[in-house]
């Protein structure tokens, strides 16, 4: 037989929670630790809504919405906890004024986490994920995208940058031969890292390298 022990600890400043899941194998001689998994979360709140962003080495999986107990995933890669009003089956939220208010508090809590943690801001696009599973949650995504335009949330070849300081290499053949250092010197912009999601970057207003930037690079080289 085996048993599982769950525990959680909170950092002294109250903004980081670590959960620990330990699985024990039990026999006549006692219990032996078979496996242990720890996950840390950056936790922020706004009004009566809490968001928890998993700090994992790889892209986090979809997280659930909670009303003290898990409800379901809606497409975000960060967890949301609030005293939502649920349907009788506990499978969905009522579209009540209070639930709308709580839904609208999710984005401010998420942005607060990004503003206060460089680690979270650098992975904001991962946490945002793709479009939510239903229209009810779309305003959260739109609000977050609007606020991220002013934060250094895009990974570039020279570090993190705000979206309007970034460029995709795009389809212009010359872009593949322009070093990032030259682009920075000539235009003050940086190429987006190849690992970034193109669709979300377009939503943030990130442009592709074009003839304007090509001319600026040529003129800089001729100075």
C-alpha atoms as a PDB file:
ATOM      1  CA  UNK A   1       0.000   0.000   0.000  1.00  0.00           C
ATOM      2  CA  UNK A   2       0.981   3.627  -0.387  1.00  0.00           C
ATOM      3  CA  UNK A   3      -0.052   6.979   1.065  1.00  0.00           C
ATOM      4  CA  UNK A   4       0.226  10.601  -0.063  1.00  0.00           C
ATOM      5  CA  UNK A   5       1.020  13.585   2.162  1.00  0.00           C
ATOM      6  CA  UNK A   6       0.344  17.143   0.955  1.00  0.00           C
ATOM      7  CA  UNK A   7       1.806  20.208   2.660  1.00  0.00           C
ATOM      8  CA  UNK A   8       2.289  23.907   1.921  1.00  0.00           C
ATOM      9  CA  UNK A   9       4.564  26.666   3.171  1.00  0.00           C
ATOM     10  CA  UNK A  10       4.454  30.432   2.694  1.00  0.00           C
ATOM     11  CA  UNK A  11       7.461  32.729   2.305  1.00  0.00           C
ATOM     12  CA  UNK A  12       8.043  35.372   5.034  1.00  0.00           C
ATOM     13  CA  UNK A  13       6.775  38.161   2.755  1.00  0.00           C
ATOM     14  CA  UNK A  14       3.633  36.169   1.983  1.00  0.00           C
ATOM     15  CA  UNK A  15       3.941  36.343  -1.807  1.00  0.00           C
ATOM     16  CA  UNK A  16       5.347  32.895  -2.558  1.00  0.00           C
ATOM     17  CA  UNK A  17       3.758  29.578  -1.658  1.00  0.00           C
ATOM     18  CA  UNK A  18       5.438  26.186  -2.033  1.00  0.00           C
ATOM     19  CA  UNK A  19       3.401  22.999  -2.144  1.00  0.00           C
ATOM     20  CA  UNK A  20       4.932  19.596  -1.468  1.00  0.00           C
ATOM     21  CA  UNK A  21       3.459  16.259  -2.479  1.00  0.00           C
ATOM     22  CA  UNK A  22       5.130  13.212  -0.913  1.00  0.00           C
ATOM     23  CA  UNK A  23       4.244   9.626  -1.757  1.00  0.00           C
ATOM     24  CA  UNK A  24       5.177   6.915   0.739  1.00  0.00           C
ATOM     25  CA  UNK A  25       5.372   3.163   0.242  1.00  0.00           C
ATOM     26  CA  UNK A  26       4.222   1.273   3.293  1.00  0.00           C
ATOM     27  CA  UNK A  27       5.289  -2.225   4.335  1.00  0.00           C
ATOM     28  CA  UNK A  28       5.770  -4.180   7.531  1.00  0.00           C
ATOM     29  CA  UNK A  29       8.911  -2.220   8.389  1.00  0.00           C
ATOM     30  CA  UNK A  30       7.195   1.143   8.104  1.00  0.00           C
ATOM     31  CA  UNK A  31       6.792   3.910   5.526  1.00  0.00           C
ATOM     32  CA  UNK A  32       9.473   4.778   2.974  1.00  0.00           C
ATOM     33  CA  UNK A  33       9.459   7.986   0.909  1.00  0.00           C
ATOM     34  CA  UNK A  34       8.989   6.912  -2.714  1.00  0.00           C
ATOM     35  CA  UNK A  35       8.720  10.310  -4.442  1.00  0.00           C
ATOM     36  CA  UNK A  36       8.503  13.995  -3.645  1.00  0.00           C
ATOM     37  CA  UNK A  37       7.387  16.893  -5.830  1.00  0.00           C
ATOM     38  CA  UNK A  38       7.637  20.546  -4.847  1.00  0.00           C
ATOM     39  CA  UNK A  39       6.052  23.420  -6.765  1.00  0.00           C
ATOM     40  CA  UNK A  40       6.400  27.103  -5.927  1.00  0.00           C
ATOM     41  CA  UNK A  41       3.773  29.698  -6.824  1.00  0.00           C
ATOM     42  CA  UNK A  42       3.926  33.482  -6.969  1.00  0.00           C
ATOM     43  CA  UNK A  43       0.727  34.620  -5.266  1.00  0.00           C
ATOM     44  CA  UNK A  44      -0.988  38.006  -5.644  1.00  0.00           C
ATOM     45  CA  UNK A  45      -4.454  39.305  -4.828  1.00  0.00           C
ATOM     46  CA  UNK A  46      -6.811  42.090  -5.825  1.00  0.00           C
ATOM     47  CA  UNK A  47      -9.982  42.619  -3.820  1.00  0.00           C
ATOM     48  CA  UNK A  48     -11.178  39.103  -2.929  1.00  0.00           C
ATOM     49  CA  UNK A  49      -9.480  37.407  -5.901  1.00  0.00           C
ATOM     50  CA  UNK A  50      -6.148  35.556  -5.708  1.00  0.00           C
ATOM     51  CA  UNK A  51      -3.971  34.417  -8.598  1.00  0.00           C
ATOM     52  CA  UNK A  52      -1.215  31.810  -8.227  1.00  0.00           C
ATOM     53  CA  UNK A  53       1.448  31.549 -10.917  1.00  0.00           C
ATOM     54  CA  UNK A  54       3.460  28.289 -10.906  1.00  0.00           C
ATOM     55  CA  UNK A  55       7.238  28.787 -11.010  1.00  0.00           C
ATOM     56  CA  UNK A  56       8.268  25.815 -13.120  1.00  0.00           C
ATOM     57  CA  UNK A  57      11.370  25.309 -15.300  1.00  0.00           C
ATOM     58  CA  UNK A  58       9.208  24.561 -18.341  1.00  0.00           C
ATOM     59  CA  UNK A  59       5.994  26.094 -19.661  1.00  0.00           C
ATOM     60  CA  UNK A  60       3.308  25.597 -17.010  1.00  0.00           C
ATOM     61  CA  UNK A  61       0.256  23.465 -17.824  1.00  0.00           C
ATOM     62  CA  UNK A  62      -3.274  24.859 -17.752  1.00  0.00           C
ATOM     63  CA  UNK A  63      -4.396  25.728 -14.229  1.00  0.00           C
ATOM     64  CA  UNK A  64      -7.860  25.705 -12.733  1.00  0.00           C
ATOM     65  CA  UNK A  65     -10.307  28.255 -11.433  1.00  0.00           C
ATOM     66  CA  UNK A  66     -11.108  27.599  -7.775  1.00  0.00           C
ATOM     67  CA  UNK A  67     -14.020  28.487  -5.544  1.00  0.00           C
ATOM     68  CA  UNK A  68     -12.174  27.031  -2.519  1.00  0.00           C
ATOM     69  CA  UNK A  69     -12.425  23.684  -4.328  1.00  0.00           C
ATOM     70  CA  UNK A  70     -11.356  23.247  -7.974  1.00  0.00           C
ATOM     71  CA  UNK A  71     -13.980  24.119 -10.602  1.00  0.00           C
ATOM     72  CA  UNK A  72     -12.261  23.648 -13.967  1.00  0.00           C
ATOM     73  CA  UNK A  73      -9.627  24.975 -16.347  1.00  0.00           C
ATOM     74  CA  UNK A  74     -10.589  27.894 -18.576  1.00  0.00           C
ATOM     75  CA  UNK A  75      -7.371  28.155 -20.611  1.00  0.00           C
ATOM     76  CA  UNK A  76      -5.064  30.212 -18.396  1.00  0.00           C
ATOM     77  CA  UNK A  77      -1.789  28.808 -17.099  1.00  0.00           C
ATOM     78  CA  UNK A  78      -2.226  30.422 -13.715  1.00  0.00           C
ATOM     79  CA  UNK A  79      -4.731  29.487 -11.030  1.00  0.00           C
ATOM     80  CA  UNK A  80      -7.542  31.773  -9.883  1.00  0.00           C
ATOM     81  CA  UNK A  81      -9.183  31.548  -6.463  1.00  0.00           C
ATOM     82  CA  UNK A  82     -12.267  33.571  -5.484  1.00  0.00           C
ATOM     83  CA  UNK A  83     -15.602  33.027  -3.708  1.00  0.00           C
ATOM     84  CA  UNK A  84     -17.388  32.616  -7.034  1.00  0.00           C
ATOM     85  CA  UNK A  85     -21.087  31.751  -7.131  1.00  0.00           C
ATOM     86  CA  UNK A  86     -21.327  28.320  -8.756  1.00  0.00           C
ATOM     87  CA  UNK A  87     -24.047  26.457 -10.573  1.00  0.00           C
ATOM     88  CA  UNK A  88     -25.690  23.536  -8.785  1.00  0.00           C
ATOM     89  CA  UNK A  89     -23.312  21.067 -10.473  1.00  0.00           C
ATOM     90  CA  UNK A  90     -20.233  23.111  -9.406  1.00  0.00           C
ATOM     91  CA  UNK A  91     -19.049  22.791 -13.013  1.00  0.00           C
ATOM     92  CA  UNK A  92     -19.461  26.454 -13.953  1.00  0.00           C
ATOM     93  CA  UNK A  93     -19.940  29.987 -12.657  1.00  0.00           C
ATOM     94  CA  UNK A  94     -23.191  31.913 -12.512  1.00  0.00           C
ATOM     95  CA  UNK A  95     -23.061  35.080 -14.639  1.00  0.00           C
ATOM     96  CA  UNK A  96     -23.976  37.168 -11.610  1.00  0.00           C
ATOM     97  CA  UNK A  97     -22.856  40.781 -10.997  1.00  0.00           C
ATOM     98  CA  UNK A  98     -20.582  39.585  -8.171  1.00  0.00           C
ATOM     99  CA  UNK A  99     -18.933  36.995 -10.397  1.00  0.00           C
ATOM    100  CA  UNK A 100     -18.425  39.615 -13.098  1.00  0.00           C
ATOM    101  CA  UNK A 101     -16.736  41.881 -10.544  1.00  0.00           C
ATOM    102  CA  UNK A 102     -14.492  39.052  -9.392  1.00  0.00           C
ATOM    103  CA  UNK A 103     -13.654  38.081 -12.957  1.00  0.00           C
ATOM    104  CA  UNK A 104     -12.633  41.699 -13.633  1.00  0.00           C
ATOM    105  CA  UNK A 105     -10.300  41.593 -10.613  1.00  0.00           C
ATOM    106  CA  UNK A 106      -8.231  38.753 -12.102  1.00  0.00           C
ATOM    107  CA  UNK A 107      -6.257  40.936 -14.533  1.00  0.00           C
ATOM    108  CA  UNK A 108      -5.194  43.546 -11.903  1.00  0.00           C
ATOM    109  CA  UNK A 109      -3.932  40.732  -9.653  1.00  0.00           C
ATOM    110  CA  UNK A 110      -1.998  39.178 -12.555  1.00  0.00           C
ATOM    111  CA  UNK A 111      -0.449  42.511 -13.567  1.00  0.00           C
ATOM    112  CA  UNK A 112       0.521  43.215  -9.947  1.00  0.00           C
ATOM    113  CA  UNK A 113       2.460  39.943  -9.933  1.00  0.00           C
ATOM    114  CA  UNK A 114       4.248  40.968 -13.141  1.00  0.00           C
ATOM    115  CA  UNK A 115       5.097  44.428 -11.809  1.00  0.00           C
ATOM    116  CA  UNK A 116       6.560  43.060  -8.579  1.00  0.00           C
ATOM    117  CA  UNK A 117       8.458  40.052  -9.956  1.00  0.00           C
ATOM    118  CA  UNK A 118      10.851  40.117 -12.912  1.00  0.00           C
ATOM    119  CA  UNK A 119      10.635  36.320 -13.070  1.00  0.00           C
ATOM    120  CA  UNK A 120       6.870  36.430 -13.490  1.00  0.00           C
ATOM    121  CA  UNK A 121       6.985  39.318 -15.991  1.00  0.00           C
ATOM    122  CA  UNK A 122       9.502  37.450 -18.138  1.00  0.00           C
ATOM    123  CA  UNK A 123       7.055  34.535 -18.403  1.00  0.00           C
ATOM    124  CA  UNK A 124       3.819  36.516 -18.596  1.00  0.00           C
ATOM    125  CA  UNK A 125       3.026  35.354 -22.126  1.00  0.00           C
ATOM    126  CA  UNK A 126       3.445  31.711 -21.078  1.00  0.00           C
ATOM    127  CA  UNK A 127       1.035  32.206 -18.187  1.00  0.00           C
ATOM    128  CA  UNK A 128      -1.503  33.927 -20.419  1.00  0.00           C
ATOM    129  CA  UNK A 129      -1.655  30.951 -22.765  1.00  0.00           C
ATOM    130  CA  UNK A 130      -3.977  30.853 -25.749  1.00  0.00           C
ATOM    131  CA  UNK A 131      -7.478  32.259 -25.964  1.00  0.00           C
ATOM    132  CA  UNK A 132      -9.782  31.241 -23.079  1.00  0.00           C
ATOM    133  CA  UNK A 133     -12.178  28.374 -23.587  1.00  0.00           C
ATOM    134  CA  UNK A 134     -15.256  30.598 -23.447  1.00  0.00           C
ATOM    135  CA  UNK A 135     -16.201  34.267 -24.077  1.00  0.00           C
ATOM    136  CA  UNK A 136     -16.822  34.979 -20.367  1.00  0.00           C
ATOM    137  CA  UNK A 137     -13.059  35.015 -19.737  1.00  0.00           C
ATOM    138  CA  UNK A 138     -12.004  36.965 -22.846  1.00  0.00           C
ATOM    139  CA  UNK A 139     -12.081  40.381 -21.077  1.00  0.00           C
ATOM    140  CA  UNK A 140      -9.435  39.053 -18.651  1.00  0.00           C
ATOM    141  CA  UNK A 141      -7.092  38.215 -21.506  1.00  0.00           C
ATOM    142  CA  UNK A 142      -7.745  41.535 -23.264  1.00  0.00           C
ATOM    143  CA  UNK A 143      -7.119  43.550 -20.093  1.00  0.00           C
ATOM    144  CA  UNK A 144      -3.882  41.679 -19.400  1.00  0.00           C
ATOM    145  CA  UNK A 145      -2.639  42.197 -22.972  1.00  0.00           C
ATOM    146  CA  UNK A 146      -3.394  45.911 -22.739  1.00  0.00           C
ATOM    147  CA  UNK A 147      -1.368  46.249 -19.540  1.00  0.00           C
ATOM    148  CA  UNK A 148       1.497  44.074 -20.798  1.00  0.00           C
ATOM    149  CA  UNK A 149       2.168  46.601 -23.554  1.00  0.00           C
ATOM    150  CA  UNK A 150       3.833  48.726 -20.859  1.00  0.00           C
ATOM    151  CA  UNK A 151       5.868  45.934 -19.233  1.00  0.00           C
ATOM    152  CA  UNK A 152       9.141  44.245 -20.207  1.00  0.00           C
ATOM    153  CA  UNK A 153       7.431  40.936 -20.924  1.00  0.00           C
ATOM    154  CA  UNK A 154       8.906  39.945 -24.310  1.00  0.00           C
ATOM    155  CA  UNK A 155      12.058  37.832 -24.554  1.00  0.00           C
ATOM    156  CA  UNK A 156      14.431  39.296 -27.131  1.00  0.00           C
ATOM    157  CA  UNK A 157      17.913  38.363 -28.292  1.00  0.00           C
ATOM    158  CA  UNK A 158      19.273  40.944 -25.850  1.00  0.00           C
ATOM    159  CA  UNK A 159      16.986  40.360 -22.851  1.00  0.00           C
ATOM    160  CA  UNK A 160      13.504  41.374 -21.774  1.00  0.00           C
ATOM    161  CA  UNK A 161      11.854  44.389 -23.435  1.00  0.00           C
ATOM    162  CA  UNK A 162       8.514  46.138 -23.704  1.00  0.00           C
ATOM    163  CA  UNK A 163       6.554  45.160 -26.852  1.00  0.00           C
ATOM    164  CA  UNK A 164       7.063  48.433 -28.753  1.00  0.00           C
ATOM    165  CA  UNK A 165      10.855  47.950 -28.520  1.00  0.00           C
ATOM    166  CA  UNK A 166      10.721  44.552 -30.248  1.00  0.00           C
ATOM    167  CA  UNK A 167      10.609  43.268 -33.798  1.00  0.00           C
ATOM    168  CA  UNK A 168       9.908  39.888 -35.328  1.00  0.00           C
ATOM    169  CA  UNK A 169      12.371  38.931 -38.037  1.00  0.00           C
ATOM    170  CA  UNK A 170       9.418  38.222 -40.309  1.00  0.00           C
ATOM    171  CA  UNK A 171       9.584  37.204 -43.956  1.00  0.00           C
ATOM    172  CA  UNK A 172      11.914  39.888 -45.358  1.00  0.00           C
ATOM    173  CA  UNK A 173      15.016  37.920 -46.481  1.00  0.00           C
ATOM    174  CA  UNK A 174      17.434  40.641 -45.359  1.00  0.00           C
ATOM    175  CA  UNK A 175      16.183  40.329 -41.777  1.00  0.00           C
ATOM    176  CA  UNK A 176      17.816  36.925 -41.435  1.00  0.00           C
ATOM    177  CA  UNK A 177      21.240  38.530 -41.992  1.00  0.00           C
ATOM    178  CA  UNK A 178      20.876  41.540 -39.691  1.00  0.00           C
ATOM    179  CA  UNK A 179      22.677  41.044 -36.342  1.00  0.00           C
ATOM    180  CA  UNK A 180      20.654  42.054 -33.311  1.00  0.00           C
ATOM    181  CA  UNK A 181      23.449  44.401 -32.180  1.00  0.00           C
ATOM    182  CA  UNK A 182      23.223  46.309 -35.465  1.00  0.00           C
ATOM    183  CA  UNK A 183      19.446  46.627 -35.183  1.00  0.00           C
ATOM    184  CA  UNK A 184      19.815  47.991 -31.655  1.00  0.00           C
ATOM    185  CA  UNK A 185      22.410  50.555 -32.657  1.00  0.00           C
ATOM    186  CA  UNK A 186      20.502  51.656 -35.740  1.00  0.00           C
ATOM    187  CA  UNK A 187      16.955  51.778 -34.404  1.00  0.00           C
ATOM    188  CA  UNK A 188      16.920  51.101 -30.670  1.00  0.00           C
ATOM    189  CA  UNK A 189      14.913  47.912 -31.276  1.00  0.00           C
ATOM    190  CA  UNK A 190      15.664  44.233 -30.642  1.00  0.00           C
ATOM    191  CA  UNK A 191      14.718  41.029 -32.407  1.00  0.00           C
ATOM    192  CA  UNK A 192      12.296  38.782 -30.552  1.00  0.00           C
ATOM    193  CA  UNK A 193      13.701  35.500 -29.306  1.00  0.00           C
ATOM    194  CA  UNK A 194      12.662  32.573 -31.475  1.00  0.00           C
ATOM    195  CA  UNK A 195      10.914  30.830 -28.578  1.00  0.00           C
ATOM    196  CA  UNK A 196       8.268  33.544 -28.192  1.00  0.00           C
ATOM    197  CA  UNK A 197       4.721  32.861 -29.402  1.00  0.00           C
ATOM    198  CA  UNK A 198       4.053  34.789 -32.620  1.00  0.00           C
ATOM    199  CA  UNK A 199       0.264  34.998 -32.322  1.00  0.00           C
ATOM    200  CA  UNK A 200       0.353  36.593 -28.876  1.00  0.00           C
ATOM    201  CA  UNK A 201       3.128  38.964 -29.962  1.00  0.00           C
ATOM    202  CA  UNK A 202       0.940  40.167 -32.814  1.00  0.00           C
ATOM    203  CA  UNK A 203      -1.823  40.796 -30.266  1.00  0.00           C
ATOM    204  CA  UNK A 204       0.650  42.950 -28.332  1.00  0.00           C
ATOM    205  CA  UNK A 205       1.351  44.991 -31.459  1.00  0.00           C
ATOM    206  CA  UNK A 206       4.859  43.657 -32.142  1.00  0.00           C
ATOM    207  CA  UNK A 207       5.756  44.427 -35.778  1.00  0.00           C
ATOM    208  CA  UNK A 208       7.904  42.556 -38.254  1.00  0.00           C
ATOM    209  CA  UNK A 209      11.259  43.832 -39.499  1.00  0.00           C
ATOM    210  CA  UNK A 210      10.521  45.957 -42.558  1.00  0.00           C
ATOM    211  CA  UNK A 211      12.068  48.297 -45.109  1.00  0.00           C
ATOM    212  CA  UNK A 212      12.158  51.195 -42.617  1.00  0.00           C
ATOM    213  CA  UNK A 213      14.422  49.231 -40.284  1.00  0.00           C
ATOM    214  CA  UNK A 214      16.487  47.920 -43.203  1.00  0.00           C
ATOM    215  CA  UNK A 215      17.153  51.482 -44.388  1.00  0.00           C
ATOM    216  CA  UNK A 216      18.091  52.530 -40.840  1.00  0.00           C
ATOM    217  CA  UNK A 217      20.611  49.666 -40.607  1.00  0.00           C
ATOM    218  CA  UNK A 218      22.154  50.535 -43.993  1.00  0.00           C
ATOM    219  CA  UNK A 219      22.431  54.217 -43.117  1.00  0.00           C
ATOM    220  CA  UNK A 220      24.042  53.339 -39.779  1.00  0.00           C
ATOM    221  CA  UNK A 221      26.647  51.169 -41.514  1.00  0.00           C
ATOM    222  CA  UNK A 222      27.432  53.979 -43.974  1.00  0.00           C
ATOM    223  CA  UNK A 223      28.019  56.569 -41.259  1.00  0.00           C
END
